[in-house]
Amino acid sequence: RCFGHILNLVAQAFLYGDDAASFELQSEAYGMLERVEEDLEHWRAKGPVGKLHNIVKFILASPQRTEAFKAHAREQEEADIYKLAEESTAELEVIQNNATRWNSTYMMIERALIKQSELNSFIQDLGLEADASKRVPAADILTSDDWKALREVSHILEPIYNMTMRTQGWGTSGGHGRLWEVMTGMEYILEHLEDWKLLYEDETANHATEERRRAQGEELESVADTKSMSARLSVVGQTRERPLRQSRLPSRLQGFEITPLHRRRETVLSACPSTSPLFNEGALP
């Protein structure tokens, strides 16, 4: 296999998985049978790249919609006063990809990133249409995380695309397909992919570490809450089971003879005259 074919297999495996040919055949079968919804879902399963494919297909489905997107881009550019010194992108069209040529997917992503704000605002305006057929399906709307993923896919594919363009055709003097350029190109692509692999491994490891720390923190909080509850119950139990306090004289009365309350009551009651109705002999004549 030639170097370009190897690069093509690498890029297709990255975009569509190990069985890219089956994915392509399935999409073509849905197209021939006019099973539009199933084809959209088929591409949607590929994540942000598939969702972008569906959006571009929606815009290019009719000349009227394509022209409406261009008009929207021109209006947005005229309203943006901060793009006076930038090159106009209003007339640039979105690029439709296909599963056969992976570089078309790279070009589709690159063009979409240039027109990201225009695509987002155009889709938002279409969302106000009463007719559902004139709106982009909600499942295909790209989120900020989807755009971030597309940008990363572009960064990963860019060296492969550049190397494919540089080594295609017949070799010329000193480069463009010579053996030395193929060998160094393979090392460059391998190092590039290894760097991205290491980056994602670090992010995955950091995410796993954060999840593990969070779980440990929740476990420690649960243990602390359990210990705190046990301590509270212990304090309550000690409060209920504590012995009765003994009555003691205040310090200012220490040394004085104090008659207990129950004895004072007995003394007062004995000194009081009896109120019982007794017969009084002195009252007789």
C-alpha atoms as a PDB file:
ATOM      1  CA  ARG A   1       0.000   0.000   0.000  1.00  0.00           C
ATOM      2  CA  CYS A   2       1.170   3.498  -0.762  1.00  0.00           C
ATOM      3  CA  PHE A   3       1.689   6.158   1.881  1.00  0.00           C
ATOM      4  CA  GLY A   4      -1.438   8.061   0.841  1.00  0.00           C
ATOM      5  CA  HIS A   5      -3.563   4.927   1.179  1.00  0.00           C
ATOM      6  CA  ILE A   6      -2.206   4.322   4.677  1.00  0.00           C
ATOM      7  CA  LEU A   7      -3.018   7.890   5.692  1.00  0.00           C
ATOM      8  CA  ASN A   8      -6.505   7.458   4.259  1.00  0.00           C
ATOM      9  CA  LEU A   9      -7.092   4.315   6.339  1.00  0.00           C
ATOM     10  CA  VAL A  10      -5.815   6.046   9.482  1.00  0.00           C
ATOM     11  CA  ALA A  11      -8.104   9.045   9.028  1.00  0.00           C
ATOM     12  CA  GLN A  12     -11.160   6.932   8.169  1.00  0.00           C
ATOM     13  CA  ALA A  13     -10.613   4.709  11.206  1.00  0.00           C
ATOM     14  CA  PHE A  14     -10.344   7.812  13.375  1.00  0.00           C
ATOM     15  CA  LEU A  15     -13.557   9.326  11.999  1.00  0.00           C
ATOM     16  CA  TYR A  16     -15.794   6.319  11.385  1.00  0.00           C
ATOM     17  CA  GLY A  17     -14.281   3.415  13.328  1.00  0.00           C
ATOM     18  CA  ASP A  18     -12.621   0.226  12.174  1.00  0.00           C
ATOM     19  CA  ASP A  19     -15.375  -0.668   9.689  1.00  0.00           C
ATOM     20  CA  ALA A  20     -15.638   2.595   7.756  1.00  0.00           C
ATOM     21  CA  ALA A  21     -16.640   0.764   4.566  1.00  0.00           C
ATOM     22  CA  SER A  22     -19.775  -0.675   6.187  1.00  0.00           C
ATOM     23  CA  PHE A  23     -20.727   2.759   7.485  1.00  0.00           C
ATOM     24  CA  GLU A  24     -20.435   4.171   3.972  1.00  0.00           C
ATOM     25  CA  LEU A  25     -22.465   1.352   2.392  1.00  0.00           C
ATOM     26  CA  GLN A  26     -25.206   1.720   4.990  1.00  0.00           C
ATOM     27  CA  SER A  27     -25.490   5.442   4.322  1.00  0.00           C
ATOM     28  CA  GLU A  28     -25.661   4.839   0.560  1.00  0.00           C
ATOM     29  CA  ALA A  29     -28.369   2.207   1.056  1.00  0.00           C
ATOM     30  CA  TYR A  30     -30.499   4.615   3.073  1.00  0.00           C
ATOM     31  CA  GLY A  31     -30.050   7.205   0.324  1.00  0.00           C
ATOM     32  CA  MET A  32     -31.156   4.859  -2.465  1.00  0.00           C
ATOM     33  CA  LEU A  33     -34.196   3.751  -0.463  1.00  0.00           C
ATOM     34  CA  GLU A  34     -35.017   7.405   0.385  1.00  0.00           C
ATOM     35  CA  ARG A  35     -35.088   6.589   4.086  1.00  0.00           C
ATOM     36  CA  VAL A  36     -34.060  10.085   5.085  1.00  0.00           C
ATOM     37  CA  GLU A  37     -34.721   9.907   8.814  1.00  0.00           C
ATOM     38  CA  GLU A  38     -32.788   6.675   9.202  1.00  0.00           C
ATOM     39  CA  ASP A  39     -29.844   8.125   7.304  1.00  0.00           C
ATOM     40  CA  LEU A  40     -29.863  11.196   9.550  1.00  0.00           C
ATOM     41  CA  GLU A  41     -29.877   8.985  12.623  1.00  0.00           C
ATOM     42  CA  HIS A  42     -27.117   6.863  11.071  1.00  0.00           C
ATOM     43  CA  TRP A  43     -24.855   9.908  10.779  1.00  0.00           C
ATOM     44  CA  ARG A  44     -26.007  11.363  14.085  1.00  0.00           C
ATOM     45  CA  ALA A  45     -24.578   8.314  15.846  1.00  0.00           C
ATOM     46  CA  LYS A  46     -21.086   9.550  14.885  1.00  0.00           C
ATOM     47  CA  GLY A  47     -21.352  12.484  17.279  1.00  0.00           C
ATOM     48  CA  PRO A  48     -20.537  16.116  16.406  1.00  0.00           C
ATOM     49  CA  VAL A  49     -19.122  15.197  12.980  1.00  0.00           C
ATOM     50  CA  GLY A  50     -22.344  13.401  12.053  1.00  0.00           C
ATOM     51  CA  LYS A  51     -24.499  16.228  13.381  1.00  0.00           C
ATOM     52  CA  LEU A  52     -22.544  18.742  11.307  1.00  0.00           C
ATOM     53  CA  HIS A  53     -22.999  16.489   8.259  1.00  0.00           C
ATOM     54  CA  ASN A  54     -26.778  16.610   8.784  1.00  0.00           C
ATOM     55  CA  ILE A  55     -26.782  20.396   9.197  1.00  0.00           C
ATOM     56  CA  VAL A  56     -24.814  20.948   5.986  1.00  0.00           C
ATOM     57  CA  LYS A  57     -27.078  18.508   4.162  1.00  0.00           C
ATOM     58  CA  PHE A  58     -30.112  20.436   5.445  1.00  0.00           C
ATOM     59  CA  ILE A  59     -28.742  23.782   4.200  1.00  0.00           C
ATOM     60  CA  LEU A  60     -27.727  22.443   0.783  1.00  0.00           C
ATOM     61  CA  ALA A  61     -30.960  20.501   0.305  1.00  0.00           C
ATOM     62  CA  SER A  62     -32.452  23.292  -1.810  1.00  0.00           C
ATOM     63  CA  PRO A  63     -31.105  26.333  -3.691  1.00  0.00           C
ATOM     64  CA  GLN A  64     -33.524  28.573  -1.802  1.00  0.00           C
ATOM     65  CA  ARG A  65     -32.189  27.494   1.586  1.00  0.00           C
ATOM     66  CA  THR A  66     -28.593  27.820   0.382  1.00  0.00           C
ATOM     67  CA  GLU A  67     -29.243  31.366  -0.801  1.00  0.00           C
ATOM     68  CA  ALA A  68     -31.066  32.167   2.448  1.00  0.00           C
ATOM     69  CA  PHE A  69     -27.973  31.109   4.384  1.00  0.00           C
ATOM     70  CA  LYS A  70     -25.766  33.333   2.224  1.00  0.00           C
ATOM     71  CA  ALA A  71     -28.125  36.281   2.715  1.00  0.00           C
ATOM     72  CA  HIS A  72     -28.109  35.685   6.453  1.00  0.00           C
ATOM     73  CA  ALA A  73     -24.300  35.610   6.456  1.00  0.00           C
ATOM     74  CA  ARG A  74     -24.154  38.920   4.566  1.00  0.00           C
ATOM     75  CA  GLU A  75     -26.581  40.558   6.992  1.00  0.00           C
ATOM     76  CA  GLN A  76     -24.612  39.343   9.972  1.00  0.00           C
ATOM     77  CA  GLU A  77     -21.350  40.567   8.477  1.00  0.00           C
ATOM     78  CA  GLU A  78     -22.787  44.019   7.786  1.00  0.00           C
ATOM     79  CA  ALA A  79     -24.103  44.239  11.331  1.00  0.00           C
ATOM     80  CA  ASP A  80     -20.735  43.289  12.841  1.00  0.00           C
ATOM     81  CA  ILE A  81     -18.727  46.513  13.019  1.00  0.00           C
ATOM     82  CA  TYR A  82     -15.660  44.735  14.420  1.00  0.00           C
ATOM     83  CA  LYS A  83     -14.882  42.861  11.173  1.00  0.00           C
ATOM     84  CA  LEU A  84     -13.921  45.874   9.084  1.00  0.00           C
ATOM     85  CA  ALA A  85     -10.319  44.693   8.666  1.00  0.00           C
ATOM     86  CA  GLU A  86     -11.100  41.003   8.190  1.00  0.00           C
ATOM     87  CA  GLU A  87     -11.623  39.182   4.941  1.00  0.00           C
ATOM     88  CA  SER A  88     -15.262  38.628   4.076  1.00  0.00           C
ATOM     89  CA  THR A  89     -16.572  35.093   4.554  1.00  0.00           C
ATOM     90  CA  ALA A  90     -20.213  35.794   3.693  1.00  0.00           C
ATOM     91  CA  GLU A  91     -19.979  34.273   0.209  1.00  0.00           C
ATOM     92  CA  LEU A  92     -18.266  31.099   1.395  1.00  0.00           C
ATOM     93  CA  GLU A  93     -20.508  28.087   1.147  1.00  0.00           C
ATOM     94  CA  VAL A  94     -20.618  25.177   3.539  1.00  0.00           C
ATOM     95  CA  ILE A  95     -18.974  22.000   2.228  1.00  0.00           C
ATOM     96  CA  GLN A  96     -20.766  18.655   2.177  1.00  0.00           C
ATOM     97  CA  ASN A  97     -18.657  15.644   3.090  1.00  0.00           C
ATOM     98  CA  ASN A  98     -18.997  11.969   2.253  1.00  0.00           C
ATOM     99  CA  ALA A  99     -17.799   8.813   3.951  1.00  0.00           C
ATOM    100  CA  THR A 100     -15.583   7.803   1.021  1.00  0.00           C
ATOM    101  CA  ARG A 101     -13.206  10.756   1.051  1.00  0.00           C
ATOM    102  CA  TRP A 102     -12.176  11.570   4.602  1.00  0.00           C
ATOM    103  CA  ASN A 103     -10.468  14.778   3.500  1.00  0.00           C
ATOM    104  CA  SER A 104     -13.903  16.098   2.528  1.00  0.00           C
ATOM    105  CA  THR A 105     -14.875  15.700   6.186  1.00  0.00           C
ATOM    106  CA  TYR A 106     -11.819  17.690   7.224  1.00  0.00           C
ATOM    107  CA  MET A 107     -12.681  20.432   4.724  1.00  0.00           C
ATOM    108  CA  MET A 108     -16.308  20.441   5.930  1.00  0.00           C
ATOM    109  CA  ILE A 109     -15.173  20.931   9.532  1.00  0.00           C
ATOM    110  CA  GLU A 110     -12.676  23.652   8.594  1.00  0.00           C
ATOM    111  CA  ARG A 111     -15.308  25.621   6.674  1.00  0.00           C
ATOM    112  CA  ALA A 112     -17.865  25.170   9.467  1.00  0.00           C
ATOM    113  CA  LEU A 113     -15.414  26.516  12.058  1.00  0.00           C
ATOM    114  CA  ILE A 114     -14.918  29.620   9.907  1.00  0.00           C
ATOM    115  CA  LYS A 115     -18.683  30.130   9.669  1.00  0.00           C
ATOM    116  CA  GLN A 116     -19.534  28.953  13.191  1.00  0.00           C
ATOM    117  CA  SER A 117     -21.307  32.124  14.326  1.00  0.00           C
ATOM    118  CA  GLU A 118     -23.251  32.336  11.053  1.00  0.00           C
ATOM    119  CA  LEU A 119     -24.368  28.714  11.327  1.00  0.00           C
ATOM    120  CA  ASN A 120     -25.465  29.123  14.935  1.00  0.00           C
ATOM    121  CA  SER A 121     -27.467  32.291  14.283  1.00  0.00           C
ATOM    122  CA  PHE A 122     -29.016  30.862  11.096  1.00  0.00           C
ATOM    123  CA  ILE A 123     -30.149  27.725  12.929  1.00  0.00           C
ATOM    124  CA  GLN A 124     -31.512  29.880  15.731  1.00  0.00           C
ATOM    125  CA  ASP A 125     -33.544  31.959  13.274  1.00  0.00           C
ATOM    126  CA  LEU A 126     -34.904  28.820  11.613  1.00  0.00           C
ATOM    127  CA  GLY A 127     -36.051  27.653  15.027  1.00  0.00           C
ATOM    128  CA  LEU A 128     -38.745  30.356  14.911  1.00  0.00           C
ATOM    129  CA  GLU A 129     -40.386  28.786  11.856  1.00  0.00           C
ATOM    130  CA  ALA A 130     -43.836  27.339  12.498  1.00  0.00           C
ATOM    131  CA  ASP A 131     -43.271  24.556   9.974  1.00  0.00           C
ATOM    132  CA  ALA A 132     -41.116  21.821  11.539  1.00  0.00           C
ATOM    133  CA  SER A 133     -39.731  20.824   8.129  1.00  0.00           C
ATOM    134  CA  LYS A 134     -38.089  24.246   7.859  1.00  0.00           C
ATOM    135  CA  ARG A 135     -36.244  23.845  11.153  1.00  0.00           C
ATOM    136  CA  VAL A 136     -33.033  21.968  11.866  1.00  0.00           C
ATOM    137  CA  PRO A 137     -33.888  18.898  13.979  1.00  0.00           C
ATOM    138  CA  ALA A 138     -33.195  19.497  17.646  1.00  0.00           C
ATOM    139  CA  ALA A 139     -31.025  16.378  17.798  1.00  0.00           C
ATOM    140  CA  ASP A 140     -28.644  17.899  15.213  1.00  0.00           C
ATOM    141  CA  ILE A 141     -28.112  21.272  16.888  1.00  0.00           C
ATOM    142  CA  LEU A 142     -24.465  21.662  17.854  1.00  0.00           C
ATOM    143  CA  THR A 143     -23.671  22.613  21.439  1.00  0.00           C
ATOM    144  CA  SER A 144     -20.572  24.444  22.641  1.00  0.00           C
ATOM    145  CA  ASP A 145     -19.039  21.090  23.589  1.00  0.00           C
ATOM    146  CA  ASP A 146     -19.751  19.801  20.073  1.00  0.00           C
ATOM    147  CA  TRP A 147     -17.932  22.764  18.538  1.00  0.00           C
ATOM    148  CA  LYS A 148     -15.018  22.170  20.881  1.00  0.00           C
ATOM    149  CA  ALA A 149     -14.870  18.532  19.780  1.00  0.00           C
ATOM    150  CA  LEU A 150     -14.966  19.569  16.104  1.00  0.00           C
ATOM    151  CA  ARG A 151     -12.058  21.932  16.645  1.00  0.00           C
ATOM    152  CA  GLU A 152     -10.048  19.156  18.273  1.00  0.00           C
ATOM    153  CA  VAL A 153     -10.884  16.798  15.399  1.00  0.00           C
ATOM    154  CA  SER A 154      -9.631  19.467  13.017  1.00  0.00           C
ATOM    155  CA  HIS A 155      -6.353  19.776  14.924  1.00  0.00           C
ATOM    156  CA  ILE A 156      -5.867  16.009  14.823  1.00  0.00           C
ATOM    157  CA  LEU A 157      -6.612  15.679  11.097  1.00  0.00           C
ATOM    158  CA  GLU A 158      -4.703  18.750   9.934  1.00  0.00           C
ATOM    159  CA  PRO A 159      -1.205  17.147   9.766  1.00  0.00           C
ATOM    160  CA  ILE A 160      -2.648  14.074   8.035  1.00  0.00           C
ATOM    161  CA  TYR A 161      -4.350  16.285   5.458  1.00  0.00           C
ATOM    162  CA  ASN A 162      -1.226  18.383   4.875  1.00  0.00           C
ATOM    163  CA  MET A 163       0.956  15.293   4.536  1.00  0.00           C
ATOM    164  CA  THR A 164      -1.510  13.754   2.084  1.00  0.00           C
ATOM    165  CA  MET A 165      -1.466  16.889  -0.065  1.00  0.00           C
ATOM    166  CA  ARG A 166       2.323  17.129   0.061  1.00  0.00           C
ATOM    167  CA  THR A 167       3.092  13.537  -0.924  1.00  0.00           C
ATOM    168  CA  GLN A 168       0.440  13.005  -3.573  1.00  0.00           C
ATOM    169  CA  GLY A 169       1.397  12.712  -7.229  1.00  0.00           C
ATOM    170  CA  TRP A 170       4.849  12.081  -8.626  1.00  0.00           C
ATOM    171  CA  GLY A 171       7.888  12.938  -6.572  1.00  0.00           C
ATOM    172  CA  THR A 172       9.917  15.952  -7.634  1.00  0.00           C
ATOM    173  CA  SER A 173      13.483  16.918  -6.960  1.00  0.00           C
ATOM    174  CA  GLY A 174      14.078  16.945  -3.235  1.00  0.00           C
ATOM    175  CA  GLY A 175      10.540  16.262  -2.042  1.00  0.00           C
ATOM    176  CA  HIS A 176       6.842  15.743  -2.707  1.00  0.00           C
ATOM    177  CA  GLY A 177       6.693  11.971  -2.439  1.00  0.00           C
ATOM    178  CA  ARG A 178      10.346  11.056  -2.142  1.00  0.00           C
ATOM    179  CA  LEU A 179      11.220   8.187   0.207  1.00  0.00           C
ATOM    180  CA  TRP A 180      12.889  10.387   2.810  1.00  0.00           C
ATOM    181  CA  GLU A 181       9.761  12.521   3.040  1.00  0.00           C
ATOM    182  CA  VAL A 182       7.549   9.467   3.481  1.00  0.00           C
ATOM    183  CA  MET A 183       9.726   8.131   6.315  1.00  0.00           C
ATOM    184  CA  THR A 184       9.893  11.426   8.164  1.00  0.00           C
ATOM    185  CA  GLY A 185       6.188  11.968   7.508  1.00  0.00           C
ATOM    186  CA  MET A 186       5.297   8.661   9.134  1.00  0.00           C
ATOM    187  CA  GLU A 187       7.345   9.557  12.210  1.00  0.00           C
ATOM    188  CA  TYR A 188       5.745  12.989  12.340  1.00  0.00           C
ATOM    189  CA  ILE A 189       2.187  11.619  12.123  1.00  0.00           C
ATOM    190  CA  LEU A 190       2.920   8.927  14.708  1.00  0.00           C
ATOM    191  CA  GLU A 191       4.365  11.444  17.159  1.00  0.00           C
ATOM    192  CA  HIS A 192       1.418  13.765  16.552  1.00  0.00           C
ATOM    193  CA  LEU A 193      -1.139  11.040  17.318  1.00  0.00           C
ATOM    194  CA  GLU A 194       0.830   9.830  20.348  1.00  0.00           C
ATOM    195  CA  ASP A 195       0.796  13.359  21.782  1.00  0.00           C
ATOM    196  CA  TRP A 196      -2.979  13.584  21.430  1.00  0.00           C
ATOM    197  CA  LYS A 197      -3.369  10.112  22.898  1.00  0.00           C
ATOM    198  CA  LEU A 198      -1.277  11.127  25.905  1.00  0.00           C
ATOM    199  CA  LEU A 199      -3.337  14.289  26.315  1.00  0.00           C
ATOM    200  CA  TYR A 200      -6.608  12.361  26.435  1.00  0.00           C
ATOM    201  CA  GLU A 201      -5.109   9.761  28.757  1.00  0.00           C
ATOM    202  CA  ASP A 202      -4.105  12.558  31.142  1.00  0.00           C
ATOM    203  CA  GLU A 203      -7.580  14.091  30.969  1.00  0.00           C
ATOM    204  CA  THR A 204      -9.170  10.694  31.579  1.00  0.00           C
ATOM    205  CA  ALA A 205      -6.829  10.025  34.480  1.00  0.00           C
ATOM    206  CA  ASN A 206      -7.529  13.460  35.960  1.00  0.00           C
ATOM    207  CA  HIS A 207     -11.260  12.894  35.603  1.00  0.00           C
ATOM    208  CA  ALA A 208     -10.974   9.488  37.272  1.00  0.00           C
ATOM    209  CA  THR A 209      -8.884  11.002  40.072  1.00  0.00           C
ATOM    210  CA  GLU A 210     -11.442  13.748  40.623  1.00  0.00           C
ATOM    211  CA  GLU A 211     -14.254  11.201  40.713  1.00  0.00           C
ATOM    212  CA  ARG A 212     -12.312   9.061  43.177  1.00  0.00           C
ATOM    213  CA  ARG A 213     -11.571  12.064  45.393  1.00  0.00           C
ATOM    214  CA  ARG A 214     -15.185  13.144  45.264  1.00  0.00           C
ATOM    215  CA  ALA A 215     -16.328   9.643  46.256  1.00  0.00           C
ATOM    216  CA  GLN A 216     -13.795   9.562  49.086  1.00  0.00           C
ATOM    217  CA  GLY A 217     -14.927  12.998  50.236  1.00  0.00           C
ATOM    218  CA  GLU A 218     -18.551  11.913  50.260  1.00  0.00           C
ATOM    219  CA  GLU A 219     -17.588   8.767  52.168  1.00  0.00           C
ATOM    220  CA  LEU A 220     -15.648  10.793  54.745  1.00  0.00           C
ATOM    221  CA  GLU A 221     -18.557  13.203  55.115  1.00  0.00           C
ATOM    222  CA  SER A 222     -20.894  10.260  55.625  1.00  0.00           C
ATOM    223  CA  VAL A 223     -18.600   8.783  58.280  1.00  0.00           C
ATOM    224  CA  ALA A 224     -18.263  12.177  59.953  1.00  0.00           C
ATOM    225  CA  ASP A 225     -22.037  12.627  59.956  1.00  0.00           C
ATOM    226  CA  THR A 226     -22.452   9.153  61.459  1.00  0.00           C
ATOM    227  CA  LYS A 227     -19.907   9.888  64.185  1.00  0.00           C
ATOM    228  CA  SER A 228     -21.496  13.255  64.863  1.00  0.00           C
ATOM    229  CA  MET A 229     -24.933  11.665  65.172  1.00  0.00           C
ATOM    230  CA  SER A 230     -23.558   8.964  67.484  1.00  0.00           C
ATOM    231  CA  ALA A 231     -21.926  11.616  69.645  1.00  0.00           C
ATOM    232  CA  ARG A 232     -25.187  13.559  69.845  1.00  0.00           C
ATOM    233  CA  LEU A 233     -27.139  10.464  70.817  1.00  0.00           C
ATOM    234  CA  SER A 234     -24.505   9.653  73.422  1.00  0.00           C
ATOM    235  CA  VAL A 235     -24.802  13.134  74.899  1.00  0.00           C
ATOM    236  CA  VAL A 236     -28.584  12.846  74.965  1.00  0.00           C
ATOM    237  CA  GLY A 237     -28.322   9.471  76.691  1.00  0.00           C
ATOM    238  CA  GLN A 238     -25.898  10.846  79.233  1.00  0.00           C
ATOM    239  CA  THR A 239     -28.204  13.777  79.882  1.00  0.00           C
ATOM    240  CA  ARG A 240     -31.157  11.508  80.519  1.00  0.00           C
ATOM    241  CA  GLU A 241     -29.201   9.083  82.733  1.00  0.00           C
ATOM    242  CA  ARG A 242     -27.311  11.604  84.861  1.00  0.00           C
ATOM    243  CA  PRO A 243     -27.895  11.331  88.642  1.00  0.00           C
ATOM    244  CA  LEU A 244     -30.145  13.710  90.554  1.00  0.00           C
ATOM    245  CA  ARG A 245     -28.416  16.816  91.792  1.00  0.00           C
ATOM    246  CA  GLN A 246     -28.031  17.280  95.537  1.00  0.00           C
ATOM    247  CA  SER A 247     -29.362  20.456  97.140  1.00  0.00           C
ATOM    248  CA  ARG A 248     -26.570  22.534  98.542  1.00  0.00           C
ATOM    249  CA  LEU A 249     -26.586  25.804 100.482  1.00  0.00           C
ATOM    250  CA  PRO A 250     -25.258  28.867  98.754  1.00  0.00           C
ATOM    251  CA  SER A 251     -21.787  29.862  99.859  1.00  0.00           C
ATOM    252  CA  ARG A 252     -23.100  33.002 101.608  1.00  0.00           C
ATOM    253  CA  LEU A 253     -25.196  30.856 103.979  1.00  0.00           C
ATOM    254  CA  GLN A 254     -22.480  28.405 104.895  1.00  0.00           C
ATOM    255  CA  GLY A 255     -22.052  28.227 108.722  1.00  0.00           C
ATOM    256  CA  PHE A 256     -25.590  29.375 109.549  1.00  0.00           C
ATOM    257  CA  GLU A 257     -28.143  27.119 111.162  1.00  0.00           C
ATOM    258  CA  ILE A 258     -30.796  26.575 108.596  1.00  0.00           C
ATOM    259  CA  THR A 259     -34.024  24.767 109.289  1.00  0.00           C
ATOM    260  CA  PRO A 260     -35.045  22.576 106.403  1.00  0.00           C
ATOM    261  CA  LEU A 261     -38.223  23.503 104.608  1.00  0.00           C
ATOM    262  CA  HIS A 262     -40.194  20.431 105.676  1.00  0.00           C
ATOM    263  CA  ARG A 263     -39.344  21.082 109.349  1.00  0.00           C
ATOM    264  CA  ARG A 264     -40.356  24.741 109.094  1.00  0.00           C
ATOM    265  CA  ARG A 265     -43.693  23.645 107.703  1.00  0.00           C
ATOM    266  CA  GLU A 266     -44.213  21.243 110.656  1.00  0.00           C
ATOM    267  CA  THR A 267     -43.393  24.027 113.179  1.00  0.00           C
ATOM    268  CA  VAL A 268     -45.797  26.507 111.601  1.00  0.00           C
ATOM    269  CA  LEU A 269     -48.618  24.019 111.426  1.00  0.00           C
ATOM    270  CA  SER A 270     -48.219  22.970 115.063  1.00  0.00           C
ATOM    271  CA  ALA A 271     -48.302  26.625 116.290  1.00  0.00           C
ATOM    272  CA  CYS A 272     -51.500  27.459 114.437  1.00  0.00           C
ATOM    273  CA  PRO A 273     -54.792  27.026 116.433  1.00  0.00           C
ATOM    274  CA  SER A 274     -56.930  24.192 115.374  1.00  0.00           C
ATOM    275  CA  THR A 275     -59.823  25.205 113.183  1.00  0.00           C
ATOM    276  CA  SER A 276     -61.818  22.051 113.890  1.00  0.00           C
ATOM    277  CA  PRO A 277     -65.370  22.718 115.332  1.00  0.00           C
ATOM    278  CA  LEU A 278     -64.948  21.721 119.068  1.00  0.00           C
ATOM    279  CA  PHE A 279     -67.667  22.108 121.773  1.00  0.00           C
ATOM    280  CA  ASN A 280     -66.939  25.225 123.963  1.00  0.00           C
ATOM    281  CA  GLU A 281     -68.158  24.638 127.500  1.00  0.00           C
ATOM    282  CA  GLY A 282     -67.344  28.252 128.595  1.00  0.00           C
ATOM    283  CA  ALA A 283     -69.954  29.557 126.254  1.00  0.00           C
ATOM    284  CA  LEU A 284     -72.760  27.870 128.235  1.00  0.00           C
ATOM    285  CA  PRO A 285     -74.827  30.061 130.635  1.00  0.00           C
END
